[in-house]
N, C-alpha and C. Protein backbone atom coordinates (compact mmCIF):
# COMPACT_ATOMS: atom_id res chain seq x y z
N MET A 1 -9.16 -8.77 -21.29
CA MET A 1 -9.22 -7.64 -21.02
C MET A 1 -10.16 -7.70 -19.44
N THR A 2 -9.44 -6.62 -18.66
CA THR A 2 -10.13 -6.64 -17.29
C THR A 2 -10.84 -5.36 -17.20
N THR A 3 -11.94 -5.20 -16.67
CA THR A 3 -12.73 -3.96 -16.42
C THR A 3 -12.72 -3.48 -14.92
N HIS A 4 -12.68 -2.41 -14.71
CA HIS A 4 -12.74 -2.28 -13.15
C HIS A 4 -13.80 -1.16 -12.97
N LYS A 5 -14.41 -1.34 -11.95
CA LYS A 5 -15.52 -0.31 -11.42
C LYS A 5 -14.89 0.94 -11.24
N SER A 6 -13.60 1.40 -10.69
CA SER A 6 -12.74 2.50 -10.43
C SER A 6 -11.43 2.22 -10.49
N ILE A 7 -10.63 3.24 -10.92
CA ILE A 7 -9.41 3.36 -10.91
C ILE A 7 -8.80 4.29 -10.13
N GLY A 8 -8.02 4.13 -9.15
CA GLY A 8 -7.38 5.59 -8.53
C GLY A 8 -5.95 5.28 -8.19
N THR A 9 -5.35 6.40 -7.68
CA THR A 9 -3.97 6.43 -7.11
C THR A 9 -3.98 7.17 -6.17
N LEU A 10 -3.09 6.80 -5.31
CA LEU A 10 -2.82 7.57 -4.06
C LEU A 10 -1.48 8.54 -4.47
N PRO A 11 -1.72 10.09 -4.05
CA PRO A 11 -0.63 10.83 -4.04
C PRO A 11 0.60 10.44 -3.61
N HIS A 12 1.42 10.70 -4.27
CA HIS A 12 2.86 10.44 -3.64
C HIS A 12 3.24 11.19 -2.47
N ARG A 13 3.48 10.84 -1.32
CA ARG A 13 3.74 11.54 -0.11
C ARG A 13 5.19 11.80 0.24
N ARG A 14 6.11 11.69 -0.59
CA ARG A 14 7.35 12.03 -0.04
C ARG A 14 7.98 12.65 -1.48
N LYS A 15 8.51 13.89 -1.52
CA LYS A 15 9.09 14.71 -2.21
C LYS A 15 10.40 14.69 -2.34
N ARG A 16 11.09 14.61 -1.02
CA ARG A 16 12.33 14.78 -0.96
C ARG A 16 13.26 13.88 -1.79
N ALA A 17 12.81 12.72 -1.90
CA ALA A 17 13.69 11.71 -2.83
C ALA A 17 13.75 12.21 -4.10
N PHE A 18 12.49 12.89 -4.61
CA PHE A 18 12.82 13.34 -6.10
C PHE A 18 13.18 14.51 -6.30
N GLU A 19 13.56 15.32 -5.19
CA GLU A 19 14.74 16.53 -5.54
C GLU A 19 15.90 16.15 -5.62
N ILE A 20 16.30 14.91 -5.20
CA ILE A 20 17.74 14.44 -5.51
C ILE A 20 18.13 14.45 -7.06
N PRO A 21 19.35 14.91 -7.16
CA PRO A 21 19.47 15.05 -8.85
C PRO A 21 20.01 13.86 -9.56
N ILE A 22 20.33 12.82 -8.53
CA ILE A 22 20.61 11.66 -9.44
C ILE A 22 19.42 10.92 -9.60
N PRO A 23 18.96 10.32 -10.71
CA PRO A 23 17.69 9.76 -10.88
C PRO A 23 17.55 8.47 -10.20
N ARG A 24 18.60 7.71 -10.05
CA ARG A 24 18.31 6.48 -9.04
C ARG A 24 18.17 6.76 -7.61
N GLY A 25 18.66 7.71 -7.19
CA GLY A 25 18.28 8.32 -5.97
C GLY A 25 16.78 8.45 -5.43
N ALA A 26 15.91 8.70 -6.52
CA ALA A 26 14.78 8.81 -6.36
C ALA A 26 13.89 7.49 -6.18
N PHE A 27 14.42 6.21 -6.30
CA PHE A 27 13.95 5.17 -5.85
C PHE A 27 14.57 4.49 -4.81
N ASP A 28 15.37 5.18 -4.22
CA ASP A 28 15.99 4.61 -2.80
C ASP A 28 15.37 5.07 -1.74
N TYR A 29 14.65 4.45 -1.28
CA TYR A 29 13.51 4.94 0.14
C TYR A 29 13.06 3.82 0.71
N GLU A 30 13.05 3.64 2.02
CA GLU A 30 12.48 2.72 2.76
C GLU A 30 11.35 3.49 3.55
N TYR A 31 10.14 2.96 3.46
CA TYR A 31 8.95 3.51 4.21
C TYR A 31 8.85 2.86 5.54
N SER A 32 8.38 3.77 6.59
CA SER A 32 8.46 3.60 7.78
C SER A 32 6.90 3.00 7.95
N ASP A 33 6.86 2.38 9.28
CA ASP A 33 5.38 1.73 9.79
C ASP A 33 4.53 3.25 9.66
N ASP A 34 4.75 4.29 10.43
CA ASP A 34 3.99 5.29 10.41
C ASP A 34 3.54 5.90 9.18
N GLU A 35 4.62 5.97 8.09
CA GLU A 35 3.99 6.41 6.68
C GLU A 35 3.31 5.61 6.22
N LEU A 36 3.25 3.93 6.26
CA LEU A 36 2.29 3.40 5.80
C LEU A 36 1.12 3.20 6.36
N ARG A 37 0.97 3.51 7.65
CA ARG A 37 -0.38 3.59 8.51
C ARG A 37 -1.17 4.73 7.80
N ALA A 38 -0.32 5.66 7.55
CA ALA A 38 -1.01 6.87 7.24
C ALA A 38 -1.88 6.79 5.82
N LEU A 39 -1.26 5.81 5.09
CA LEU A 39 -1.76 5.62 3.64
C LEU A 39 -2.97 4.56 3.86
N LEU A 40 -3.28 3.94 4.97
CA LEU A 40 -4.33 3.09 5.26
C LEU A 40 -5.81 3.75 4.87
N PRO A 41 -6.07 4.92 5.33
CA PRO A 41 -7.46 5.23 5.06
C PRO A 41 -7.57 5.39 3.50
N ALA A 42 -6.76 5.92 2.75
CA ALA A 42 -6.58 6.17 1.34
C ALA A 42 -6.68 4.83 0.45
N VAL A 43 -6.01 3.80 1.05
CA VAL A 43 -6.14 2.41 0.55
C VAL A 43 -7.43 2.01 0.68
N HIS A 44 -8.09 2.01 1.88
CA HIS A 44 -9.48 1.67 2.16
C HIS A 44 -10.53 2.02 1.21
N GLN A 45 -10.28 3.49 1.12
CA GLN A 45 -11.08 4.26 0.39
C GLN A 45 -11.14 3.92 -1.09
N LEU A 46 -10.11 3.65 -1.89
CA LEU A 46 -9.78 3.04 -2.83
C LEU A 46 -10.57 1.78 -3.27
N ALA A 47 -10.28 0.83 -2.14
CA ALA A 47 -10.52 -0.41 -2.04
C ALA A 47 -12.26 -0.62 -2.09
N ASP A 48 -12.93 0.17 -1.47
CA ASP A 48 -14.46 0.55 -1.32
C ASP A 48 -14.71 0.58 -2.85
N GLN A 49 -14.18 1.32 -3.53
CA GLN A 49 -14.63 2.01 -4.82
C GLN A 49 -14.09 0.83 -6.07
N ALA A 50 -13.50 0.10 -5.86
CA ALA A 50 -12.74 -0.69 -6.94
C ALA A 50 -13.02 -2.41 -6.58
N GLU A 51 -12.95 -3.02 -7.70
CA GLU A 51 -13.17 -4.60 -7.49
C GLU A 51 -11.89 -5.22 -6.96
N GLU A 52 -10.66 -4.50 -7.00
CA GLU A 52 -9.51 -5.05 -6.85
C GLU A 52 -8.62 -3.98 -6.64
N THR A 53 -7.77 -4.19 -5.52
CA THR A 53 -7.07 -2.95 -5.41
C THR A 53 -5.42 -3.56 -4.96
N ARG A 54 -4.56 -2.71 -5.45
CA ARG A 54 -3.18 -3.21 -5.36
C ARG A 54 -2.37 -2.16 -4.95
N VAL A 55 -1.34 -2.28 -4.25
CA VAL A 55 -0.47 -1.28 -3.75
C VAL A 55 0.87 -1.54 -4.15
N MET A 56 1.28 -0.81 -4.72
CA MET A 56 2.89 -1.05 -5.59
C MET A 56 3.92 -0.10 -4.60
N PHE A 57 5.25 -0.29 -4.74
CA PHE A 57 6.04 0.33 -4.20
C PHE A 57 7.01 0.70 -5.13
N ASN A 58 7.60 1.79 -5.58
CA ASN A 58 8.37 2.10 -6.66
C ASN A 58 9.45 2.56 -6.00
N VAL A 59 10.22 1.53 -5.52
CA VAL A 59 11.56 1.47 -5.24
C VAL A 59 12.31 0.39 -5.65
N ASN A 60 13.61 0.43 -5.72
CA ASN A 60 14.42 -0.49 -6.22
C ASN A 60 15.77 -0.94 -5.71
N ARG A 61 15.95 -0.33 -4.49
CA ARG A 61 17.32 -0.63 -4.01
C ARG A 61 17.16 -1.82 -2.87
N ALA A 62 18.14 -2.67 -3.12
CA ALA A 62 18.15 -4.04 -2.23
C ALA A 62 16.57 -4.54 -2.38
N ASP A 63 16.10 -4.81 -1.07
CA ASP A 63 14.88 -5.58 -0.67
C ASP A 63 13.82 -4.26 -0.04
N GLN A 64 14.02 -2.94 -0.39
CA GLN A 64 12.98 -1.88 -0.01
C GLN A 64 11.72 -2.19 -0.29
N GLY A 65 11.40 -2.75 -1.58
CA GLY A 65 9.93 -2.89 -1.96
C GLY A 65 9.39 -4.10 -1.51
N VAL A 66 10.20 -5.17 -1.35
CA VAL A 66 9.65 -6.27 -0.67
C VAL A 66 9.36 -6.03 0.73
N LYS A 67 10.19 -5.34 1.51
CA LYS A 67 9.97 -4.71 2.95
C LYS A 67 8.62 -4.17 3.17
N GLY A 68 8.54 -3.26 2.32
CA GLY A 68 7.16 -2.09 2.22
C GLY A 68 6.07 -3.01 1.93
N ALA A 69 6.15 -3.94 0.98
CA ALA A 69 4.93 -4.68 0.60
C ALA A 69 4.60 -5.58 1.68
N ARG A 70 5.62 -6.15 2.50
CA ARG A 70 5.31 -7.18 3.85
C ARG A 70 4.66 -6.42 4.80
N LEU A 71 5.26 -4.99 5.29
CA LEU A 71 4.84 -4.28 6.04
C LEU A 71 3.24 -3.74 5.93
N MET A 72 3.16 -3.46 4.60
CA MET A 72 1.72 -3.05 3.95
C MET A 72 0.75 -4.20 4.27
N GLU A 73 1.28 -5.56 3.89
CA GLU A 73 0.33 -6.65 4.12
C GLU A 73 -0.01 -6.98 5.48
N LYS A 74 0.86 -6.61 6.38
CA LYS A 74 0.73 -6.94 7.83
C LYS A 74 -0.13 -5.96 8.25
N LEU A 75 -0.27 -4.61 7.95
CA LEU A 75 -0.98 -3.61 8.37
C LEU A 75 -2.48 -3.64 7.75
N LEU A 76 -2.56 -4.30 6.46
CA LEU A 76 -3.77 -4.73 5.91
C LEU A 76 -4.48 -5.76 6.49
N ARG A 77 -3.87 -6.77 7.10
CA ARG A 77 -4.28 -7.88 7.95
C ARG A 77 -5.02 -7.48 9.18
N GLU A 78 -3.95 -6.74 9.57
CA GLU A 78 -4.72 -6.13 11.10
C GLU A 78 -5.82 -5.31 10.89
N THR A 79 -5.80 -4.55 9.74
CA THR A 79 -7.08 -3.72 9.73
C THR A 79 -8.20 -4.20 8.99
N VAL A 80 -8.11 -5.27 8.19
CA VAL A 80 -9.09 -5.50 7.33
C VAL A 80 -9.34 -6.83 7.45
N ILE A 81 -8.34 -7.82 6.98
CA ILE A 81 -8.64 -9.24 6.93
C ILE A 81 -8.97 -9.96 8.30
N GLU A 82 -8.05 -9.74 9.28
CA GLU A 82 -8.38 -10.25 10.74
C GLU A 82 -9.98 -9.92 11.29
N PRO A 83 -10.13 -8.48 11.20
CA PRO A 83 -11.43 -8.07 11.69
C PRO A 83 -12.41 -8.79 11.05
N ALA A 84 -12.31 -8.76 9.80
CA ALA A 84 -13.45 -9.35 8.83
C ALA A 84 -13.73 -10.99 9.31
N LEU A 85 -12.50 -11.55 9.33
CA LEU A 85 -12.62 -12.94 9.74
C LEU A 85 -13.27 -13.00 11.39
N ARG A 86 -13.04 -12.25 12.18
CA ARG A 86 -13.57 -12.53 13.54
C ARG A 86 -15.10 -12.01 13.55
N ALA A 87 -15.59 -11.43 12.37
CA ALA A 87 -17.15 -10.88 12.41
C ALA A 87 -17.68 -11.89 11.80
N GLN A 88 -17.19 -12.90 11.19
CA GLN A 88 -17.62 -14.07 10.32
C GLN A 88 -18.27 -15.04 11.63
N PRO A 89 -19.78 -15.36 11.42
CA PRO A 89 -20.09 -16.59 12.23
C PRO A 89 -19.41 -17.82 11.90
N ILE A 90 -19.33 -18.70 13.00
CA ILE A 90 -18.77 -19.72 12.71
C ILE A 90 -19.65 -20.98 12.19
N THR A 91 -19.51 -21.66 11.17
CA THR A 91 -20.67 -22.87 10.82
C THR A 91 -20.11 -23.85 10.88
N ARG A 92 -21.09 -25.01 11.21
CA ARG A 92 -20.33 -26.20 11.15
C ARG A 92 -21.23 -27.11 10.26
């Protein structure tokens, strides 16, 4: 069993896909760089409150989820991981 300090979810930012009457159309979406950048502050806020943070993409057409995950990973590396590594002193 895993315990978490805090569990949170981000609000779903796009509604137009869920207005499509065909159910599978609701999961046919490719996130843009700008959309994922806009989610970064909320992801960072949740990460500050939790021991572990995961971002999931609820899309299932072709490789949309993989593309979204790779783009989010790139953005997180740019905004969290790389700055943290630069801030660490080098020890020998």
